[in-house]
N, C-alpha and C. Protein backbone atom coordinates (compact mmCIF):
# COMPACT_ATOMS: atom_id res chain seq x y z
N MET A 1 20.64 -8.74 10.52
CA MET A 1 19.82 -8.92 11.68
C MET A 1 18.45 -9.51 11.23
N ASN A 2 18.02 -10.54 11.89
CA ASN A 2 16.79 -11.24 11.54
C ASN A 2 15.64 -10.69 12.40
N LYS A 3 14.98 -9.65 11.96
CA LYS A 3 13.88 -9.03 12.71
C LYS A 3 12.56 -9.74 12.43
N ARG A 4 11.73 -9.69 13.41
CA ARG A 4 10.35 -10.18 13.24
C ARG A 4 9.46 -8.96 12.93
N LEU A 5 8.25 -9.25 12.45
CA LEU A 5 7.36 -8.18 11.98
C LEU A 5 7.12 -7.12 13.05
N ASN A 6 6.93 -7.53 14.27
CA ASN A 6 6.66 -6.58 15.34
C ASN A 6 7.88 -5.82 15.80
N GLU A 7 9.05 -6.18 15.30
CA GLU A 7 10.32 -5.53 15.66
C GLU A 7 10.76 -4.51 14.63
N MET A 8 9.96 -4.29 13.60
CA MET A 8 10.35 -3.35 12.54
C MET A 8 10.52 -1.97 13.17
N ASP A 9 11.68 -1.33 12.89
CA ASP A 9 11.91 -0.01 13.46
C ASP A 9 12.62 0.93 12.47
N ASP A 10 12.62 0.56 11.21
CA ASP A 10 13.30 1.31 10.20
C ASP A 10 12.58 1.16 8.86
N LEU A 11 12.47 2.24 8.10
CA LEU A 11 11.83 2.16 6.79
C LEU A 11 12.46 1.11 5.88
N ARG A 12 13.75 0.92 6.04
CA ARG A 12 14.47 -0.07 5.21
C ARG A 12 13.98 -1.49 5.46
N ASP A 13 13.36 -1.71 6.63
CA ASP A 13 12.82 -3.04 6.90
C ASP A 13 11.74 -3.43 5.90
N MET A 14 11.03 -2.43 5.35
CA MET A 14 9.99 -2.72 4.38
C MET A 14 10.61 -3.32 3.08
N GLY A 15 11.84 -3.01 2.81
CA GLY A 15 12.53 -3.56 1.66
C GLY A 15 12.82 -5.05 1.80
N ARG A 16 12.62 -5.58 2.99
CA ARG A 16 12.89 -7.00 3.26
C ARG A 16 11.66 -7.87 3.09
N PHE A 17 10.50 -7.24 2.81
CA PHE A 17 9.28 -8.04 2.61
C PHE A 17 9.46 -9.01 1.44
N PRO A 18 8.79 -10.15 1.48
CA PRO A 18 8.80 -11.06 0.34
C PRO A 18 8.20 -10.37 -0.90
N VAL A 19 8.59 -10.82 -2.06
CA VAL A 19 8.08 -10.24 -3.32
C VAL A 19 6.55 -10.28 -3.38
N SER A 20 5.97 -11.34 -2.81
CA SER A 20 4.50 -11.45 -2.84
C SER A 20 3.81 -10.30 -2.06
N VAL A 21 4.46 -9.83 -0.99
CA VAL A 21 3.93 -8.70 -0.24
C VAL A 21 4.03 -7.41 -1.05
N HIS A 22 5.17 -7.22 -1.71
CA HIS A 22 5.30 -6.03 -2.59
C HIS A 22 4.30 -6.10 -3.73
N ALA A 23 4.11 -7.29 -4.28
CA ALA A 23 3.11 -7.43 -5.34
C ALA A 23 1.70 -7.10 -4.87
N GLY A 24 1.36 -7.57 -3.69
CA GLY A 24 0.03 -7.29 -3.13
C GLY A 24 -0.16 -5.80 -2.86
N ALA A 25 0.84 -5.16 -2.28
CA ALA A 25 0.77 -3.73 -2.02
C ALA A 25 0.67 -2.94 -3.32
N THR A 26 1.40 -3.36 -4.32
CA THR A 26 1.35 -2.69 -5.62
C THR A 26 -0.04 -2.87 -6.24
N ALA A 27 -0.58 -4.07 -6.18
CA ALA A 27 -1.93 -4.33 -6.70
C ALA A 27 -2.95 -3.47 -6.00
N ASN A 28 -2.82 -3.30 -4.70
CA ASN A 28 -3.74 -2.47 -3.92
C ASN A 28 -3.68 -0.99 -4.39
N ILE A 29 -2.49 -0.51 -4.60
CA ILE A 29 -2.32 0.89 -5.06
C ILE A 29 -2.91 1.02 -6.48
N LEU A 30 -2.60 0.09 -7.36
CA LEU A 30 -3.10 0.17 -8.74
C LEU A 30 -4.64 0.11 -8.79
N LEU A 31 -5.22 -0.77 -7.99
CA LEU A 31 -6.68 -0.86 -7.95
C LEU A 31 -7.28 0.44 -7.41
N THR A 32 -6.64 1.00 -6.39
CA THR A 32 -7.13 2.27 -5.82
C THR A 32 -7.06 3.39 -6.84
N ILE A 33 -5.97 3.43 -7.62
CA ILE A 33 -5.85 4.46 -8.66
C ILE A 33 -6.94 4.29 -9.71
N ALA A 34 -7.18 3.09 -10.13
CA ALA A 34 -8.22 2.81 -11.13
C ALA A 34 -9.59 3.22 -10.56
N MET A 35 -9.85 2.89 -9.33
CA MET A 35 -11.11 3.28 -8.72
C MET A 35 -11.22 4.79 -8.56
N THR A 36 -10.08 5.43 -8.24
CA THR A 36 -10.07 6.89 -8.12
C THR A 36 -10.40 7.54 -9.45
N TYR A 37 -9.92 6.95 -10.53
CA TYR A 37 -10.26 7.44 -11.89
C TYR A 37 -11.77 7.45 -12.08
N LEU A 38 -12.41 6.37 -11.68
CA LEU A 38 -13.87 6.24 -11.82
C LEU A 38 -14.60 7.20 -10.90
N VAL A 39 -14.16 7.25 -9.66
CA VAL A 39 -14.83 8.13 -8.66
C VAL A 39 -14.66 9.61 -9.06
N ARG A 40 -13.48 9.98 -9.51
CA ARG A 40 -13.21 11.39 -9.86
C ARG A 40 -14.13 11.82 -11.02
N GLY A 41 -14.41 10.94 -11.95
CA GLY A 41 -15.29 11.26 -13.06
C GLY A 41 -16.74 11.35 -12.65
N ARG A 42 -17.13 10.61 -11.66
CA ARG A 42 -18.53 10.57 -11.23
C ARG A 42 -18.84 11.63 -10.17
N TYR A 43 -17.86 11.96 -9.31
CA TYR A 43 -18.07 12.88 -8.20
C TYR A 43 -17.00 13.97 -8.18
N PRO A 44 -17.14 14.99 -9.00
CA PRO A 44 -16.12 16.05 -9.08
C PRO A 44 -16.24 17.11 -7.98
N ARG A 45 -17.12 16.91 -7.02
CA ARG A 45 -17.35 17.92 -5.97
C ARG A 45 -16.13 18.07 -5.07
N PRO A 46 -15.93 19.24 -4.44
CA PRO A 46 -14.77 19.49 -3.60
C PRO A 46 -14.59 18.51 -2.43
N LEU A 47 -15.67 18.10 -1.82
CA LEU A 47 -15.55 17.21 -0.65
C LEU A 47 -15.40 15.73 -1.04
N ALA A 48 -15.51 15.46 -2.32
CA ALA A 48 -15.40 14.06 -2.73
C ALA A 48 -14.03 13.49 -2.47
N LEU A 49 -12.97 14.26 -2.67
CA LEU A 49 -11.60 13.74 -2.47
C LEU A 49 -11.37 13.35 -1.01
N PRO A 50 -11.62 14.21 -0.03
CA PRO A 50 -11.37 13.77 1.35
C PRO A 50 -12.28 12.59 1.77
N LEU A 51 -13.49 12.56 1.30
CA LEU A 51 -14.37 11.43 1.62
C LEU A 51 -13.86 10.15 0.99
N TRP A 52 -13.42 10.23 -0.24
CA TRP A 52 -12.91 9.08 -0.97
C TRP A 52 -11.62 8.57 -0.28
N ALA A 53 -10.69 9.49 -0.04
CA ALA A 53 -9.40 9.08 0.55
C ALA A 53 -9.64 8.48 1.96
N GLY A 54 -10.44 9.12 2.75
CA GLY A 54 -10.74 8.62 4.09
C GLY A 54 -11.37 7.26 4.07
N SER A 55 -12.30 7.05 3.11
CA SER A 55 -12.96 5.76 2.99
C SER A 55 -11.98 4.65 2.60
N ILE A 56 -11.13 4.92 1.65
CA ILE A 56 -10.15 3.92 1.19
C ILE A 56 -9.19 3.57 2.30
N ILE A 57 -8.66 4.57 2.95
CA ILE A 57 -7.71 4.30 4.06
C ILE A 57 -8.39 3.54 5.17
N SER A 58 -9.62 3.92 5.49
CA SER A 58 -10.37 3.21 6.54
C SER A 58 -10.61 1.74 6.16
N LEU A 59 -10.97 1.52 4.89
CA LEU A 59 -11.19 0.15 4.42
C LEU A 59 -9.92 -0.68 4.46
N ASN A 60 -8.78 -0.05 4.24
CA ASN A 60 -7.52 -0.77 4.31
C ASN A 60 -7.13 -1.10 5.75
N LEU A 61 -7.53 -0.24 6.69
CA LEU A 61 -7.17 -0.46 8.08
C LEU A 61 -8.14 -1.32 8.86
N LEU A 62 -9.36 -1.40 8.39
CA LEU A 62 -10.40 -2.17 9.10
C LEU A 62 -10.02 -3.63 9.35
N PRO A 63 -9.54 -4.35 8.33
CA PRO A 63 -9.14 -5.77 8.62
C PRO A 63 -8.00 -5.85 9.62
N VAL A 64 -7.11 -4.89 9.61
CA VAL A 64 -5.99 -4.89 10.57
C VAL A 64 -6.54 -4.76 11.97
N ILE A 65 -7.45 -3.80 12.15
CA ILE A 65 -8.03 -3.59 13.48
C ILE A 65 -8.76 -4.82 13.95
N LEU A 66 -9.56 -5.41 13.08
CA LEU A 66 -10.31 -6.61 13.45
C LEU A 66 -9.42 -7.79 13.80
N LEU A 67 -8.40 -8.02 12.95
CA LEU A 67 -7.49 -9.13 13.18
C LEU A 67 -6.63 -8.92 14.43
N ARG A 68 -6.24 -7.68 14.66
CA ARG A 68 -5.41 -7.40 15.87
C ARG A 68 -6.20 -7.62 17.17
N SER A 69 -7.51 -7.49 17.08
CA SER A 69 -8.32 -7.68 18.28
C SER A 69 -8.24 -9.12 18.78
N GLY A 70 -7.89 -10.04 17.92
CA GLY A 70 -7.79 -11.43 18.29
C GLY A 70 -6.37 -11.87 18.67
N MET A 71 -5.42 -10.94 18.69
CA MET A 71 -4.06 -11.27 19.03
C MET A 71 -3.85 -11.26 20.55
N ASP A 72 -2.89 -12.06 21.00
CA ASP A 72 -2.55 -12.05 22.42
C ASP A 72 -1.04 -12.26 22.57
N GLU A 73 -0.61 -12.51 23.81
CA GLU A 73 0.84 -12.65 24.05
C GLU A 73 1.42 -13.90 23.40
N ASN A 74 0.59 -14.79 22.94
CA ASN A 74 1.08 -16.03 22.29
C ASN A 74 1.12 -15.90 20.77
N THR A 75 0.78 -14.74 20.23
CA THR A 75 0.78 -14.53 18.78
C THR A 75 2.19 -14.73 18.23
N TYR A 76 2.29 -15.48 17.16
CA TYR A 76 3.57 -15.73 16.51
C TYR A 76 3.86 -14.61 15.50
N TYR A 77 5.04 -14.04 15.58
CA TYR A 77 5.48 -13.01 14.66
C TYR A 77 6.63 -13.59 13.81
N PRO A 78 6.36 -13.83 12.54
CA PRO A 78 7.44 -14.42 11.72
C PRO A 78 8.52 -13.39 11.37
N PRO A 79 9.68 -13.88 10.99
CA PRO A 79 10.72 -12.95 10.45
C PRO A 79 10.14 -12.20 9.27
N ILE A 80 10.60 -11.00 9.07
CA ILE A 80 10.07 -10.16 7.99
C ILE A 80 10.10 -10.86 6.64
N GLU A 81 11.21 -11.52 6.34
CA GLU A 81 11.40 -12.16 5.05
C GLU A 81 10.49 -13.39 4.85
N GLU A 82 9.90 -13.88 5.91
CA GLU A 82 9.07 -15.10 5.85
C GLU A 82 7.58 -14.85 6.03
N MET A 83 7.18 -13.59 6.12
CA MET A 83 5.80 -13.30 6.36
C MET A 83 4.90 -13.74 5.22
N GLY A 84 3.67 -14.05 5.53
CA GLY A 84 2.69 -14.38 4.53
C GLY A 84 1.90 -13.16 4.15
N PHE A 85 1.48 -13.08 2.91
CA PHE A 85 0.76 -11.90 2.46
C PHE A 85 -0.58 -11.71 3.18
N PHE A 86 -1.36 -12.78 3.28
CA PHE A 86 -2.66 -12.65 3.92
C PHE A 86 -2.63 -12.90 5.42
N GLY A 87 -1.88 -13.87 5.86
CA GLY A 87 -1.91 -14.25 7.26
C GLY A 87 -1.17 -13.37 8.21
N ASP A 88 -0.29 -12.52 7.75
CA ASP A 88 0.56 -11.73 8.66
C ASP A 88 0.47 -10.22 8.49
N GLN A 89 -0.39 -9.74 7.61
CA GLN A 89 -0.46 -8.30 7.34
C GLN A 89 -0.84 -7.47 8.56
N HIS A 90 -1.47 -8.07 9.54
CA HIS A 90 -1.90 -7.33 10.72
C HIS A 90 -0.88 -7.36 11.88
N LYS A 91 0.28 -7.93 11.63
CA LYS A 91 1.28 -8.11 12.66
C LYS A 91 2.44 -7.14 12.62
N PHE A 92 2.40 -6.19 11.71
CA PHE A 92 3.48 -5.20 11.63
C PHE A 92 3.54 -4.36 12.89
N ALA A 93 4.68 -3.74 13.09
CA ALA A 93 4.77 -2.68 14.10
C ALA A 93 3.78 -1.60 13.72
N SER A 94 3.20 -0.94 14.68
CA SER A 94 2.09 0.02 14.43
C SER A 94 2.45 1.15 13.48
N TRP A 95 3.66 1.64 13.55
CA TRP A 95 4.05 2.78 12.70
C TRP A 95 3.96 2.44 11.22
N VAL A 96 4.08 1.17 10.88
CA VAL A 96 4.05 0.76 9.47
C VAL A 96 2.71 1.09 8.84
N TYR A 97 1.62 1.00 9.61
CA TYR A 97 0.28 1.31 9.07
C TYR A 97 0.13 2.79 8.80
N ALA A 98 0.77 3.64 9.62
CA ALA A 98 0.74 5.06 9.35
C ALA A 98 1.50 5.40 8.07
N VAL A 99 2.63 4.76 7.85
CA VAL A 99 3.39 4.97 6.62
C VAL A 99 2.62 4.47 5.41
N ALA A 100 2.02 3.30 5.52
CA ALA A 100 1.25 2.73 4.41
C ALA A 100 0.00 3.60 4.08
N SER A 101 -0.61 4.15 5.13
CA SER A 101 -1.78 4.99 4.91
C SER A 101 -1.36 6.30 4.24
N ALA A 102 -0.24 6.88 4.68
CA ALA A 102 0.26 8.10 4.06
C ALA A 102 0.64 7.87 2.61
N ASN A 103 1.24 6.71 2.33
CA ASN A 103 1.58 6.37 0.97
C ASN A 103 0.31 6.26 0.09
N MET A 104 -0.71 5.61 0.63
CA MET A 104 -1.99 5.49 -0.11
C MET A 104 -2.57 6.86 -0.34
N LEU A 105 -2.52 7.73 0.66
CA LEU A 105 -3.06 9.09 0.52
C LEU A 105 -2.32 9.86 -0.59
N VAL A 106 -1.02 9.71 -0.64
CA VAL A 106 -0.24 10.40 -1.67
C VAL A 106 -0.69 9.93 -3.08
N TRP A 107 -0.87 8.63 -3.26
CA TRP A 107 -1.27 8.13 -4.58
C TRP A 107 -2.68 8.56 -4.93
N ILE A 108 -3.57 8.61 -3.94
CA ILE A 108 -4.94 9.04 -4.21
C ILE A 108 -4.96 10.51 -4.62
N VAL A 109 -4.27 11.36 -3.87
CA VAL A 109 -4.26 12.78 -4.16
C VAL A 109 -3.57 13.06 -5.50
N LEU A 110 -2.48 12.37 -5.75
CA LEU A 110 -1.78 12.54 -7.01
C LEU A 110 -2.68 12.13 -8.20
N ALA A 111 -3.34 10.99 -8.07
CA ALA A 111 -4.23 10.52 -9.12
C ALA A 111 -5.41 11.48 -9.29
N TRP A 112 -6.01 11.91 -8.21
CA TRP A 112 -7.16 12.83 -8.25
C TRP A 112 -6.75 14.12 -8.97
N THR A 113 -5.57 14.61 -8.61
CA THR A 113 -5.10 15.86 -9.22
C THR A 113 -4.90 15.68 -10.73
N LEU A 114 -4.23 14.59 -11.11
CA LEU A 114 -4.02 14.35 -12.53
C LEU A 114 -5.32 14.22 -13.27
N PHE A 115 -6.26 13.45 -12.70
CA PHE A 115 -7.55 13.23 -13.38
C PHE A 115 -8.43 14.47 -13.35
N SER A 116 -8.08 15.44 -12.53
CA SER A 116 -8.80 16.71 -12.55
C SER A 116 -8.38 17.55 -13.76
N TYR A 117 -7.15 17.40 -14.17
CA TYR A 117 -6.63 18.13 -15.33
C TYR A 117 -6.80 17.37 -16.64
N ARG A 118 -6.61 16.08 -16.55
CA ARG A 118 -6.71 15.25 -17.76
C ARG A 118 -7.29 13.89 -17.36
N ARG A 119 -8.46 13.66 -17.81
CA ARG A 119 -9.12 12.39 -17.46
C ARG A 119 -9.42 11.61 -18.73
N ASP A 120 -8.43 10.84 -19.15
CA ASP A 120 -8.61 9.96 -20.28
C ASP A 120 -7.79 8.69 -20.04
N ARG A 121 -7.89 7.77 -20.96
CA ARG A 121 -7.22 6.46 -20.74
C ARG A 121 -5.70 6.56 -20.77
N LYS A 122 -5.16 7.51 -21.51
CA LYS A 122 -3.70 7.70 -21.52
C LYS A 122 -3.21 8.18 -20.16
N ALA A 123 -3.96 9.11 -19.55
CA ALA A 123 -3.60 9.61 -18.24
C ALA A 123 -3.67 8.46 -17.22
N LEU A 124 -4.72 7.66 -17.30
CA LEU A 124 -4.87 6.54 -16.38
C LEU A 124 -3.72 5.53 -16.59
N ALA A 125 -3.44 5.17 -17.84
CA ALA A 125 -2.37 4.23 -18.12
C ALA A 125 -1.02 4.76 -17.62
N GLY A 126 -0.74 6.03 -17.85
CA GLY A 126 0.50 6.65 -17.38
C GLY A 126 0.61 6.63 -15.88
N MET A 127 -0.48 6.95 -15.22
CA MET A 127 -0.49 6.95 -13.76
C MET A 127 -0.28 5.55 -13.20
N LEU A 128 -0.92 4.57 -13.81
CA LEU A 128 -0.76 3.19 -13.37
C LEU A 128 0.69 2.71 -13.58
N PHE A 129 1.28 3.10 -14.71
CA PHE A 129 2.65 2.70 -15.00
C PHE A 129 3.63 3.29 -13.98
N VAL A 130 3.48 4.57 -13.71
CA VAL A 130 4.36 5.24 -12.75
C VAL A 130 4.18 4.62 -11.35
N ALA A 131 2.93 4.38 -10.98
CA ALA A 131 2.67 3.81 -9.66
C ALA A 131 3.26 2.40 -9.56
N PHE A 132 3.13 1.62 -10.63
CA PHE A 132 3.67 0.29 -10.66
C PHE A 132 5.21 0.33 -10.47
N LEU A 133 5.88 1.18 -11.21
CA LEU A 133 7.33 1.29 -11.09
C LEU A 133 7.76 1.70 -9.69
N CYS A 134 7.09 2.71 -9.15
CA CYS A 134 7.48 3.26 -7.85
C CYS A 134 7.13 2.32 -6.69
N THR A 135 5.93 1.79 -6.71
CA THR A 135 5.46 0.97 -5.59
C THR A 135 6.18 -0.37 -5.53
N PHE A 136 6.54 -0.92 -6.68
CA PHE A 136 7.19 -2.20 -6.72
C PHE A 136 8.71 -2.04 -6.67
N PHE A 137 9.22 -0.82 -6.51
CA PHE A 137 10.64 -0.55 -6.56
C PHE A 137 11.48 -1.39 -5.62
N PRO A 138 11.05 -1.54 -4.32
CA PRO A 138 11.90 -2.38 -3.45
C PRO A 138 12.10 -3.80 -3.99
N ALA A 139 11.08 -4.35 -4.56
CA ALA A 139 11.21 -5.70 -5.15
C ALA A 139 12.09 -5.65 -6.38
N TRP A 140 11.95 -4.62 -7.21
CA TRP A 140 12.84 -4.47 -8.39
C TRP A 140 14.27 -4.44 -7.92
N ALA A 141 14.57 -3.59 -6.96
CA ALA A 141 15.94 -3.44 -6.49
C ALA A 141 16.50 -4.77 -5.99
N ARG A 142 15.71 -5.53 -5.27
CA ARG A 142 16.17 -6.81 -4.75
C ARG A 142 16.39 -7.83 -5.91
N LEU A 143 15.45 -7.85 -6.85
CA LEU A 143 15.54 -8.79 -7.95
C LEU A 143 16.77 -8.49 -8.82
N PHE A 144 17.03 -7.21 -9.10
CA PHE A 144 18.19 -6.87 -9.91
C PHE A 144 19.49 -7.04 -9.16
N LYS A 145 19.45 -6.81 -7.86
CA LYS A 145 20.63 -7.00 -7.02
C LYS A 145 21.08 -8.47 -7.02
N ARG A 146 20.10 -9.38 -6.95
CA ARG A 146 20.42 -10.82 -6.95
C ARG A 146 20.99 -11.27 -8.27
N SER A 147 20.47 -10.72 -9.37
CA SER A 147 20.91 -11.18 -10.67
C SER A 147 22.27 -10.60 -11.05
N GLY A 148 22.67 -9.56 -10.36
CA GLY A 148 23.94 -8.87 -10.70
C GLY A 148 25.15 -9.41 -10.04
């Protein structure tokens, strides 16, 4: 079935994104983890985590809100497999942003927790490696499926 971005109704639809979209999402998670490492070292106070997580999620959603305000009934929604990384990120079905925000929250809390117990370059490298493997997994699965 050839669904358009606004017709996404299943988590499996996210597996149909172009590799460039998976790469961008992975880069966003990795950058957030690296920044969480820095923030956790500088601000170890109890309220720092919710403030940090809320700020990051808000910053990720702000462009979506702004870009959606300019959409109308003539907005073109490309098929999922043909979406552009920058030009179409604001055209997903609304539930996709909730899932993406929850995913970001999980990585932030996981990184914050790890860096609370062990805050060194090995912990950071390990966290980045695990996040890379997990976040890019749909693209890995598709790449290996094609070559097999």
